Amino acid sequence: MRSTTPSDVGTLWTMRRSDRRARCALLSWPEYWELRVLIDGNASMAKRCPDTDEAFALAEEWKHRLLRQGWQQIVPEVSRR
């Protein structure tokens, strides 16, 4: 039986512009990967990729597109204990 919903593997990057937030979600389906750019929780871009290399290359392409549009990447700080 095939899954009808993907598994959210995680966030590849997060951006902000003014009070808006965007994240690139990597989703796993049984036979492919899916990337979604969610801006304030709403899908702005989505594409299915047959392999991991293509998915990561596309995520980088989309990240650079948003950077050119004035978005800023949010980089989490590492906790030092």
PDB file of N, CA and C in Angstrom:
ATOM      1  N   MET A   1       0.836  -1.185   0.000  1.00  0.00           N
ATOM      2  CA  MET A   1       0.000   0.000   0.000  1.00  0.00           C
ATOM      3  C   MET A   1       0.881   1.248   0.000  1.00  0.00           C
ATOM      4  N   ARG A   2       0.666   2.164  -0.925  1.00  0.00           N
ATOM      5  CA  ARG A   2       1.452   3.391  -1.036  1.00  0.00           C
ATOM      6  C   ARG A   2       0.925   4.479  -0.124  1.00  0.00           C
ATOM      7  N   SER A   3       1.858   5.269   0.367  1.00  0.00           N
ATOM      8  CA  SER A   3       1.491   6.386   1.226  1.00  0.00           C
ATOM      9  C   SER A   3       0.850   7.496   0.398  1.00  0.00           C
ATOM     10  N   THR A   4      -0.206   8.093   0.933  1.00  0.00           N
ATOM     11  CA  THR A   4      -0.869   9.189   0.226  1.00  0.00           C
ATOM     12  C   THR A   4      -0.424  10.548   0.753  1.00  0.00           C
ATOM     13  N   THR A   5       0.392  10.538   1.808  1.00  0.00           N
ATOM     14  CA  THR A   5       0.942  11.782   2.343  1.00  0.00           C
ATOM     15  C   THR A   5       2.443  11.619   2.521  1.00  0.00           C
ATOM     16  N   PRO A   6       3.191  12.683   2.239  1.00  0.00           N
ATOM     17  CA  PRO A   6       4.644  12.591   2.382  1.00  0.00           C
ATOM     18  C   PRO A   6       5.076  12.756   3.836  1.00  0.00           C
ATOM     19  N   SER A   7       6.315  12.382   4.093  1.00  0.00           N
ATOM     20  CA  SER A   7       6.927  12.629   5.404  1.00  0.00           C
ATOM     21  C   SER A   7       7.760  13.896   5.295  1.00  0.00           C
ATOM     22  N   ASP A   8       7.572  14.822   6.225  1.00  0.00           N
ATOM     23  CA  ASP A   8       8.363  16.052   6.249  1.00  0.00           C
ATOM     24  C   ASP A   8       9.706  15.715   6.883  1.00  0.00           C
ATOM     25  N   VAL A   9      10.749  15.691   6.064  1.00  0.00           N
ATOM     26  CA  VAL A   9      12.085  15.312   6.513  1.00  0.00           C
ATOM     27  C   VAL A   9      12.736  16.442   7.297  1.00  0.00           C
ATOM     28  N   GLY A  10      12.434  17.687   6.907  1.00  0.00           N
ATOM     29  CA  GLY A  10      12.997  18.814   7.630  1.00  0.00           C
ATOM     30  C   GLY A  10      13.090  20.060   6.772  1.00  0.00           C
ATOM     31  N   THR A  11      13.682  21.080   7.356  1.00  0.00           N
ATOM     32  CA  THR A  11      13.838  22.377   6.702  1.00  0.00           C
ATOM     33  C   THR A  11      15.274  22.515   6.203  1.00  0.00           C
ATOM     34  N   LEU A  12      15.429  22.829   4.909  1.00  0.00           N
ATOM     35  CA  LEU A  12      16.769  23.000   4.340  1.00  0.00           C
ATOM     36  C   LEU A  12      17.311  24.398   4.572  1.00  0.00           C
ATOM     37  N   TRP A  13      16.445  25.397   4.545  1.00  0.00           N
ATOM     38  CA  TRP A  13      16.841  26.768   4.857  1.00  0.00           C
ATOM     39  C   TRP A  13      15.607  27.572   5.243  1.00  0.00           C
ATOM     40  N   THR A  14      15.880  28.687   5.921  1.00  0.00           N
ATOM     41  CA  THR A  14      14.819  29.607   6.345  1.00  0.00           C
ATOM     42  C   THR A  14      15.252  31.017   5.981  1.00  0.00           C
ATOM     43  N   MET A  15      14.313  31.830   5.524  1.00  0.00           N
ATOM     44  CA  MET A  15      14.583  33.214   5.115  1.00  0.00           C
ATOM     45  C   MET A  15      13.572  34.149   5.767  1.00  0.00           C
ATOM     46  N   ARG A  16      13.918  35.443   5.762  1.00  0.00           N
ATOM     47  CA  ARG A  16      12.968  36.452   6.223  1.00  0.00           C
ATOM     48  C   ARG A  16      13.102  37.692   5.351  1.00  0.00           C
ATOM     49  N   ARG A  17      12.001  38.396   5.245  1.00  0.00           N
ATOM     50  CA  ARG A  17      11.966  39.709   4.586  1.00  0.00           C
ATOM     51  C   ARG A  17      10.855  40.480   5.270  1.00  0.00           C
ATOM     52  N   SER A  18      11.249  41.564   5.941  1.00  0.00           N
ATOM     53  CA  SER A  18      10.318  42.318   6.781  1.00  0.00           C
ATOM     54  C   SER A  18       9.717  41.367   7.818  1.00  0.00           C
ATOM     55  N   ASP A  19       8.394  41.290   7.858  1.00  0.00           N
ATOM     56  CA  ASP A  19       7.761  40.411   8.839  1.00  0.00           C
ATOM     57  C   ASP A  19       7.348  39.067   8.234  1.00  0.00           C
ATOM     58  N   ARG A  20       7.837  38.763   7.051  1.00  0.00           N
ATOM     59  CA  ARG A  20       7.494  37.510   6.371  1.00  0.00           C
ATOM     60  C   ARG A  20       8.573  36.470   6.591  1.00  0.00           C
ATOM     61  N   ARG A  21       8.180  35.200   6.599  1.00  0.00           N
ATOM     62  CA  ARG A  21       9.107  34.091   6.782  1.00  0.00           C
ATOM     63  C   ARG A  21       8.900  33.070   5.659  1.00  0.00           C
ATOM     64  N   ALA A  22      10.011  32.527   5.185  1.00  0.00           N
ATOM     65  CA  ALA A  22       9.966  31.480   4.159  1.00  0.00           C
ATOM     66  C   ALA A  22      10.844  30.326   4.617  1.00  0.00           C
ATOM     67  N   ARG A  23      10.402  29.120   4.309  1.00  0.00           N
ATOM     68  CA  ARG A  23      11.241  27.956   4.588  1.00  0.00           C
ATOM     69  C   ARG A  23      11.149  26.981   3.433  1.00  0.00           C
ATOM     70  N   CYS A  24      12.236  26.259   3.222  1.00  0.00           N
ATOM     71  CA  CYS A  24      12.270  25.231   2.186  1.00  0.00           C
ATOM     72  C   CYS A  24      12.125  23.886   2.881  1.00  0.00           C
ATOM     73  N   ALA A  25      10.991  23.244   2.682  1.00  0.00           N
ATOM     74  CA  ALA A  25      10.706  21.954   3.304  1.00  0.00           C
ATOM     75  C   ALA A  25      11.082  20.830   2.342  1.00  0.00           C
ATOM     76  N   LEU A  26      11.755  19.810   2.869  1.00  0.00           N
ATOM     77  CA  LEU A  26      12.087  18.609   2.109  1.00  0.00           C
ATOM     78  C   LEU A  26      11.135  17.509   2.551  1.00  0.00           C
ATOM     79  N   LEU A  27      10.376  16.992   1.594  1.00  0.00           N
ATOM     80  CA  LEU A  27       9.385  15.954   1.873  1.00  0.00           C
ATOM     81  C   LEU A  27       9.780  14.665   1.165  1.00  0.00           C
ATOM     82  N   SER A  28       9.533  13.553   1.823  1.00  0.00           N
ATOM     83  CA  SER A  28       9.872  12.244   1.275  1.00  0.00           C
ATOM     84  C   SER A  28       8.609  11.484   0.883  1.00  0.00           C
ATOM     85  N   TRP A  29       8.567  11.074  -0.374  1.00  0.00           N
ATOM     86  CA  TRP A  29       7.541  10.175  -0.887  1.00  0.00           C
ATOM     87  C   TRP A  29       8.236   8.840  -1.150  1.00  0.00           C
ATOM     88  N   PRO A  30       7.505   7.760  -1.337  1.00  0.00           N
ATOM     89  CA  PRO A  30       8.168   6.468  -1.563  1.00  0.00           C
ATOM     90  C   PRO A  30       9.124   6.446  -2.761  1.00  0.00           C
ATOM     91  N   GLU A  31       8.828   7.190  -3.811  1.00  0.00           N
ATOM     92  CA  GLU A  31       9.641   7.088  -5.033  1.00  0.00           C
ATOM     93  C   GLU A  31      10.345   8.378  -5.429  1.00  0.00           C
ATOM     94  N   TYR A  32      10.213   9.442  -4.655  1.00  0.00           N
ATOM     95  CA  TYR A  32      10.866  10.703  -5.010  1.00  0.00           C
ATOM     96  C   TYR A  32      10.890  11.634  -3.814  1.00  0.00           C
ATOM     97  N   TRP A  33      11.592  12.751  -3.986  1.00  0.00           N
ATOM     98  CA  TRP A  33      11.632  13.838  -3.012  1.00  0.00           C
ATOM     99  C   TRP A  33      10.754  14.965  -3.518  1.00  0.00           C
ATOM    100  N   GLU A  34      10.224  15.744  -2.596  1.00  0.00           N
ATOM    101  CA  GLU A  34       9.466  16.933  -2.985  1.00  0.00           C
ATOM    102  C   GLU A  34       9.987  18.117  -2.187  1.00  0.00           C
ATOM    103  N   LEU A  35      10.221  19.224  -2.876  1.00  0.00           N
ATOM    104  CA  LEU A  35      10.611  20.476  -2.232  1.00  0.00           C
ATOM    105  C   LEU A  35       9.426  21.412  -2.254  1.00  0.00           C
ATOM    106  N   ARG A  36       9.251  22.126  -1.155  1.00  0.00           N
ATOM    107  CA  ARG A  36       8.214  23.162  -1.091  1.00  0.00           C
ATOM    108  C   ARG A  36       8.801  24.385  -0.419  1.00  0.00           C
ATOM    109  N   VAL A  37       8.591  25.539  -1.013  1.00  0.00           N
ATOM    110  CA  VAL A  37       8.911  26.789  -0.339  1.00  0.00           C
ATOM    111  C   VAL A  37       7.606  27.307   0.227  1.00  0.00           C
ATOM    112  N   LEU A  38       7.582  27.427   1.541  1.00  0.00           N
ATOM    113  CA  LEU A  38       6.397  27.896   2.252  1.00  0.00           C
ATOM    114  C   LEU A  38       6.667  29.309   2.757  1.00  0.00           C
ATOM    115  N   ILE A  39       5.859  30.256   2.319  1.00  0.00           N
ATOM    116  CA  ILE A  39       5.984  31.638   2.780  1.00  0.00           C
ATOM    117  C   ILE A  39       4.799  31.903   3.698  1.00  0.00           C
ATOM    118  N   ASP A  40       5.129  32.179   4.946  1.00  0.00           N
ATOM    119  CA  ASP A  40       4.108  32.362   5.986  1.00  0.00           C
ATOM    120  C   ASP A  40       3.131  31.182   6.001  1.00  0.00           C
ATOM    121  N   GLY A  41       3.665  29.971   5.795  1.00  0.00           N
ATOM    122  CA  GLY A  41       2.868  28.754   5.876  1.00  0.00           C
ATOM    123  C   GLY A  41       2.157  28.347   4.598  1.00  0.00           C
ATOM    124  N   ASN A  42       2.197  29.198   3.557  1.00  0.00           N
ATOM    125  CA  ASN A  42       1.516  28.897   2.296  1.00  0.00           C
ATOM    126  C   ASN A  42       2.529  28.504   1.229  1.00  0.00           C
ATOM    127  N   ALA A  43       2.236  27.439   0.493  1.00  0.00           N
ATOM    128  CA  ALA A  43       3.143  26.970  -0.554  1.00  0.00           C
ATOM    129  C   ALA A  43       3.264  28.010  -1.657  1.00  0.00           C
ATOM    130  N   SER A  44       4.502  28.404  -1.929  1.00  0.00           N
ATOM    131  CA  SER A  44       4.784  29.363  -2.982  1.00  0.00           C
ATOM    132  C   SER A  44       5.383  28.663  -4.206  1.00  0.00           C
ATOM    133  N   MET A  45       6.241  27.671  -3.943  1.00  0.00           N
ATOM    134  CA  MET A  45       6.862  26.879  -5.001  1.00  0.00           C
ATOM    135  C   MET A  45       6.875  25.430  -4.534  1.00  0.00           C
ATOM    136  N   ALA A  46       6.749  24.515  -5.477  1.00  0.00           N
ATOM    137  CA  ALA A  46       6.835  23.094  -5.156  1.00  0.00           C
ATOM    138  C   ALA A  46       7.278  22.330  -6.393  1.00  0.00           C
ATOM    139  N   LYS A  47       8.118  21.317  -6.163  1.00  0.00           N
ATOM    140  CA  LYS A  47       8.560  20.477  -7.281  1.00  0.00           C
ATOM    141  C   LYS A  47       8.995  19.127  -6.739  1.00  0.00           C
ATOM    142  N   ARG A  48       8.685  18.086  -7.497  1.00  0.00           N
ATOM    143  CA  ARG A  48       9.120  16.730  -7.157  1.00  0.00           C
ATOM    144  C   ARG A  48      10.410  16.430  -7.901  1.00  0.00           C
ATOM    145  N   CYS A  49      11.334  15.773  -7.220  1.00  0.00           N
ATOM    146  CA  CYS A  49      12.642  15.461  -7.784  1.00  0.00           C
ATOM    147  C   CYS A  49      12.896  13.958  -7.652  1.00  0.00           C
ATOM    148  N   PRO A  50      13.423  13.325  -8.711  1.00  0.00           N
ATOM    149  CA  PRO A  50      13.639  11.889  -8.661  1.00  0.00           C
ATOM    150  C   PRO A  50      14.823  11.455  -7.796  1.00  0.00           C
ATOM    151  N   ASP A  51      15.772  12.365  -7.546  1.00  0.00           N
ATOM    152  CA  ASP A  51      16.914  11.957  -6.731  1.00  0.00           C
ATOM    153  C   ASP A  51      17.375  13.085  -5.805  1.00  0.00           C
ATOM    154  N   THR A  52      18.184  12.715  -4.838  1.00  0.00           N
ATOM    155  CA  THR A  52      18.631  13.637  -3.797  1.00  0.00           C
ATOM    156  C   THR A  52      19.448  14.793  -4.356  1.00  0.00           C
ATOM    157  N   ASP A  53      20.374  14.507  -5.267  1.00  0.00           N
ATOM    158  CA  ASP A  53      21.216  15.566  -5.830  1.00  0.00           C
ATOM    159  C   ASP A  53      20.382  16.654  -6.495  1.00  0.00           C
ATOM    160  N   GLU A  54      19.386  16.249  -7.263  1.00  0.00           N
ATOM    161  CA  GLU A  54      18.522  17.219  -7.926  1.00  0.00           C
ATOM    162  C   GLU A  54      17.747  18.050  -6.911  1.00  0.00           C
ATOM    163  N   ALA A  55      17.267  17.406  -5.849  1.00  0.00           N
ATOM    164  CA  ALA A  55      16.494  18.120  -4.820  1.00  0.00           C
ATOM    165  C   ALA A  55      17.359  19.178  -4.137  1.00  0.00           C
ATOM    166  N   PHE A  56      18.576  18.822  -3.750  1.00  0.00           N
ATOM    167  CA  PHE A  56      19.443  19.782  -3.073  1.00  0.00           C
ATOM    168  C   PHE A  56      19.889  20.898  -4.011  1.00  0.00           C
ATOM    169  N   ALA A  57      20.143  20.592  -5.280  1.00  0.00           N
ATOM    170  CA  ALA A  57      20.518  21.627  -6.257  1.00  0.00           C
ATOM    171  C   ALA A  57      19.366  22.610  -6.455  1.00  0.00           C
ATOM    172  N   LEU A  58      18.144  22.103  -6.533  1.00  0.00           N
ATOM    173  CA  LEU A  58      16.983  22.970  -6.710  1.00  0.00           C
ATOM    174  C   LEU A  58      16.766  23.839  -5.473  1.00  0.00           C
ATOM    175  N   ALA A  59      16.968  23.279  -4.284  1.00  0.00           N
ATOM    176  CA  ALA A  59      16.829  24.066  -3.051  1.00  0.00           C
ATOM    177  C   ALA A  59      17.816  25.229  -3.058  1.00  0.00           C
ATOM    178  N   GLU A  60      19.039  24.998  -3.513  1.00  0.00           N
ATOM    179  CA  GLU A  60      20.037  26.068  -3.602  1.00  0.00           C
ATOM    180  C   GLU A  60      19.626  27.122  -4.629  1.00  0.00           C
ATOM    181  N   GLU A  61      19.101  26.676  -5.756  1.00  0.00           N
ATOM    182  CA  GLU A  61      18.633  27.602  -6.798  1.00  0.00           C
ATOM    183  C   GLU A  61      17.524  28.503  -6.256  1.00  0.00           C
ATOM    184  N   TRP A  62      16.558  27.915  -5.574  1.00  0.00           N
ATOM    185  CA  TRP A  62      15.457  28.695  -5.015  1.00  0.00           C
ATOM    186  C   TRP A  62      15.954  29.645  -3.932  1.00  0.00           C
ATOM    187  N   LYS A  63      16.908  29.203  -3.110  1.00  0.00           N
ATOM    188  CA  LYS A  63      17.465  30.063  -2.066  1.00  0.00           C
ATOM    189  C   LYS A  63      18.111  31.291  -2.689  1.00  0.00           C
ATOM    190  N   HIS A  64      18.896  31.097  -3.731  1.00  0.00           N
ATOM    191  CA  HIS A  64      19.568  32.227  -4.379  1.00  0.00           C
ATOM    192  C   HIS A  64      18.564  33.154  -5.069  1.00  0.00           C
ATOM    193  N   ARG A  65      17.488  32.609  -5.577  1.00  0.00           N
ATOM    194  CA  ARG A  65      16.437  33.437  -6.181  1.00  0.00           C
ATOM    195  C   ARG A  65      15.831  34.370  -5.125  1.00  0.00           C
ATOM    196  N   LEU A  66      15.524  33.820  -3.941  1.00  0.00           N
ATOM    197  CA  LEU A  66      14.962  34.655  -2.881  1.00  0.00           C
ATOM    198  C   LEU A  66      15.973  35.683  -2.383  1.00  0.00           C
ATOM    199  N   LEU A  67      17.240  35.299  -2.289  1.00  0.00           N
ATOM    200  CA  LEU A  67      18.270  36.265  -1.882  1.00  0.00           C
ATOM    201  C   LEU A  67      18.334  37.441  -2.858  1.00  0.00           C
ATOM    202  N   ARG A  68      18.239  37.158  -4.157  1.00  0.00           N
ATOM    203  CA  ARG A  68      18.240  38.231  -5.168  1.00  0.00           C
ATOM    204  C   ARG A  68      17.003  39.118  -5.051  1.00  0.00           C
ATOM    205  N   GLN A  69      15.925  38.581  -4.483  1.00  0.00           N
ATOM    206  CA  GLN A  69      14.685  39.343  -4.307  1.00  0.00           C
ATOM    207  C   GLN A  69      14.650  40.099  -2.984  1.00  0.00           C
ATOM    208  N   GLY A  70      15.763  40.088  -2.248  1.00  0.00           N
ATOM    209  CA  GLY A  70      15.837  40.868  -1.019  1.00  0.00           C
ATOM    210  C   GLY A  70      15.584  40.106   0.264  1.00  0.00           C
ATOM    211  N   TRP A  71      15.400  38.794   0.191  1.00  0.00           N
ATOM    212  CA  TRP A  71      15.230  37.988   1.395  1.00  0.00           C
ATOM    213  C   TRP A  71      16.586  37.814   2.063  1.00  0.00           C
ATOM    214  N   GLN A  72      16.592  37.556   3.369  1.00  0.00           N
ATOM    215  CA  GLN A  72      17.818  37.293   4.121  1.00  0.00           C
ATOM    216  C   GLN A  72      17.710  35.924   4.761  1.00  0.00           C
ATOM    217  N   GLN A  73      18.800  35.164   4.674  1.00  0.00           N
ATOM    218  CA  GLN A  73      18.788  33.835   5.268  1.00  0.00           C
ATOM    219  C   GLN A  73      18.906  33.935   6.788  1.00  0.00           C
ATOM    220  N   ILE A  74      18.134  33.132   7.474  1.00  0.00           N
ATOM    221  CA  ILE A  74      18.202  33.025   8.931  1.00  0.00           C
ATOM    222  C   ILE A  74      19.085  31.822   9.242  1.00  0.00           C
ATOM    223  N   VAL A  75      20.172  32.084   9.949  1.00  0.00           N
ATOM    224  CA  VAL A  75      21.090  31.016  10.325  1.00  0.00           C
ATOM    225  C   VAL A  75      20.993  30.824  11.835  1.00  0.00           C
ATOM    226  N   PRO A  76      20.586  29.633  12.278  1.00  0.00           N
ATOM    227  CA  PRO A  76      20.457  29.414  13.727  1.00  0.00           C
ATOM    228  C   PRO A  76      21.821  29.488  14.420  1.00  0.00           C
ATOM    229  N   GLU A  77      21.815  30.027  15.623  1.00  0.00           N
ATOM    230  CA  GLU A  77      23.043  30.087  16.406  1.00  0.00           C
ATOM    231  C   GLU A  77      23.212  28.774  17.147  1.00  0.00           C
ATOM    232  N   VAL A  78      24.467  28.362  17.272  1.00  0.00           N
ATOM    233  CA  VAL A  78      24.783  27.130  17.989  1.00  0.00           C
ATOM    234  C   VAL A  78      24.924  27.471  19.471  1.00  0.00           C
ATOM    235  N   SER A  79      24.253  26.709  20.296  1.00  0.00           N
ATOM    236  CA  SER A  79      24.331  26.902  21.733  1.00  0.00           C
ATOM    237  C   SER A  79      25.669  26.376  22.229  1.00  0.00           C
ATOM    238  N   ARG A  80      26.362  27.193  23.019  1.00  0.00           N
ATOM    239  CA  ARG A  80      27.650  26.775  23.601  1.00  0.00           C
ATOM    240  C   ARG A  80      27.462  26.548  25.080  1.00  0.00           C
ATOM    241  N   ARG A  81      27.650  25.335  25.503  1.00  0.00           N
ATOM    242  CA  ARG A  81      27.475  25.000  26.931  1.00  0.00           C
ATOM    243  C   ARG A  81      28.763  24.498  27.500  1.00  0.00           C
TER     244      ARG A  81
END
